[in-house]
C-alpha atoms as a PDB file:
ATOM      1  CA  ARG A   1      23.582 -19.120   8.744  1.00  0.00           C
ATOM      2  CA  ILE A   2      21.366 -17.586   6.143  1.00  0.00           C
ATOM      3  CA  CYS A   3      17.661 -18.326   5.783  1.00  0.00           C
ATOM      4  CA  PRO A   4      17.166 -20.655   2.795  1.00  0.00           C
ATOM      5  CA  GLY A   5      13.689 -19.212   2.156  1.00  0.00           C
ATOM      6  CA  ARG A   6      14.757 -15.562   1.908  1.00  0.00           C
ATOM      7  CA  PHE A   7      14.501 -15.480  -1.890  1.00  0.00           C
ATOM      8  CA  LEU A   8      11.041 -17.042  -1.789  1.00  0.00           C
ATOM      9  CA  ALA A   9       9.959 -14.453   0.801  1.00  0.00           C
ATOM     10  CA  ASP A  10      11.349 -11.544  -1.257  1.00  0.00           C
ATOM     11  CA  ASN A  11       9.717 -12.779  -4.466  1.00  0.00           C
ATOM     12  CA  SER A  12       6.394 -13.477  -2.742  1.00  0.00           C
ATOM     13  CA  LEU A  13       6.297  -9.979  -1.257  1.00  0.00           C
ATOM     14  CA  PHE A  14       7.108  -8.436  -4.642  1.00  0.00           C
ATOM     15  CA  ILE A  15       4.370 -10.432  -6.410  1.00  0.00           C
ATOM     16  CA  MET A  16       1.776  -9.576  -3.743  1.00  0.00           C
ATOM     17  CA  THR A  17       2.624  -5.857  -3.924  1.00  0.00           C
ATOM     18  CA  ALA A  18       2.589  -5.818  -7.739  1.00  0.00           C
ATOM     19  CA  SER A  19      -0.750  -7.669  -7.802  1.00  0.00           C
ATOM     20  CA  PHE A  20      -2.247  -5.194  -5.315  1.00  0.00           C
ATOM     21  CA  LEU A  21      -1.076  -2.195  -7.358  1.00  0.00           C
ATOM     22  CA  GLN A  22      -2.358  -3.786 -10.580  1.00  0.00           C
ATOM     23  CA  VAL A  23      -5.917  -4.006  -9.219  1.00  0.00           C
ATOM     24  CA  PHE A  24      -6.124  -1.011  -6.840  1.00  0.00           C
ATOM     25  CA  GLU A  25      -5.202   2.648  -7.005  1.00  0.00           C
ATOM     26  CA  VAL A  26      -4.045   4.396  -3.845  1.00  0.00           C
ATOM     27  CA  LEU A  27      -5.050   8.053  -3.691  1.00  0.00           C
ATOM     28  CA  PRO A  28      -4.613  10.870  -1.170  1.00  0.00           C
ATOM     29  CA  PRO A  29      -7.606  11.611   1.081  1.00  0.00           C
ATOM     30  CA  ARG A  30     -10.125  14.332   0.184  1.00  0.00           C
ATOM     31  CA  ASP A  31     -11.869  16.922   2.301  1.00  0.00           C
ATOM     32  CA  ALA A  32     -15.653  17.559   2.382  1.00  0.00           C
ATOM     33  CA  SER A  33     -15.484  19.710  -0.774  1.00  0.00           C
ATOM     34  CA  GLY A  34     -13.552  17.048  -2.715  1.00  0.00           C
ATOM     35  CA  ARG A  35     -10.113  18.682  -2.701  1.00  0.00           C
ATOM     36  CA  GLU A  36      -7.082  16.468  -2.190  1.00  0.00           C
ATOM     37  CA  LEU A  37      -5.445  16.712   1.211  1.00  0.00           C
ATOM     38  CA  SER A  38      -1.694  16.454   1.582  1.00  0.00           C
ATOM     39  CA  VAL A  39      -0.460  13.296   3.253  1.00  0.00           C
ATOM     40  CA  LYS A  40       2.036  13.728   6.060  1.00  0.00           C
ATOM     41  CA  TYR A  41       4.310  10.747   6.516  1.00  0.00           C
ATOM     42  CA  THR A  42       5.774  10.445   9.992  1.00  0.00           C
ATOM     43  CA  MET A  43       8.096   7.769  11.239  1.00  0.00           C
ATOM     44  CA  GLY A  44       7.635   5.976  14.531  1.00  0.00           C
ATOM     45  CA  SER A  45      10.448   5.656  16.987  1.00  0.00           C
ATOM     46  CA  GLY A  46      11.701   2.551  18.654  1.00  0.00           C
ATOM     47  CA  MET A  47      13.623  -0.596  17.902  1.00  0.00           C
ATOM     48  CA  LEU A  48      11.991  -0.898  14.454  1.00  0.00           C
ATOM     49  CA  SER A  49      11.348   2.223  12.398  1.00  0.00           C
ATOM     50  CA  THR A  50       7.890   2.157  10.816  1.00  0.00           C
ATOM     51  CA  VAL A  51       5.629   4.669   9.086  1.00  0.00           C
ATOM     52  CA  GLU A  52       2.792   5.902  11.312  1.00  0.00           C
ATOM     53  CA  ASP A  53      -0.786   5.333  10.103  1.00  0.00           C
ATOM     54  CA  PHE A  54      -2.111   7.827   7.534  1.00  0.00           C
ATOM     55  CA  ASP A  55      -5.372   8.312   5.644  1.00  0.00           C
ATOM     56  CA  CYS A  56      -5.718   7.342   1.998  1.00  0.00           C
ATOM     57  CA  ILE A  57      -8.334   6.183  -0.481  1.00  0.00           C
ATOM     58  CA  ILE A  58      -7.955   2.680  -1.913  1.00  0.00           C
ATOM     59  CA  ARG A  59     -10.312   1.781  -4.738  1.00  0.00           C
ATOM     60  CA  PRO A  60     -10.439  -0.662  -7.660  1.00  0.00           C
ATOM     61  CA  ARG A  61      -8.880   0.649 -10.863  1.00  0.00           C
ATOM     62  CA  SER A  62     -11.775  -0.465 -13.092  1.00  0.00           C
ATOM     63  CA  GLU A  63     -14.986  -2.487 -13.209  1.00  0.00           C
ATOM     64  CA  THR A  64     -12.954  -5.416 -14.504  1.00  0.00           C
ATOM     65  CA  ALA A  65     -10.677  -5.157 -11.475  1.00  0.00           C
ATOM     66  CA  GLN A  66     -13.714  -4.945  -9.186  1.00  0.00           C
ATOM     67  CA  ALA A  67     -15.123  -8.127 -10.737  1.00  0.00           C
ATOM     68  CA  LEU A  68     -11.757  -9.809 -10.163  1.00  0.00           C
ATOM     69  CA  ILE A  69     -11.862  -8.934  -6.465  1.00  0.00           C
END
């Protein structure tokens, strides 16, 4: 059997991700002098493969976006 709500779930996830990226910008972290640091992506091991936590800067794209939040 196939889940009847799989298309709704896929579309909902896409809309939520697109809405997040429309309002926020995701930037690499910076050091004390303001230079960008490289982000190292590492994968976890186990039954499910996931990306380990990493630092980043998430901020509103504009004042209009901040008012929307």
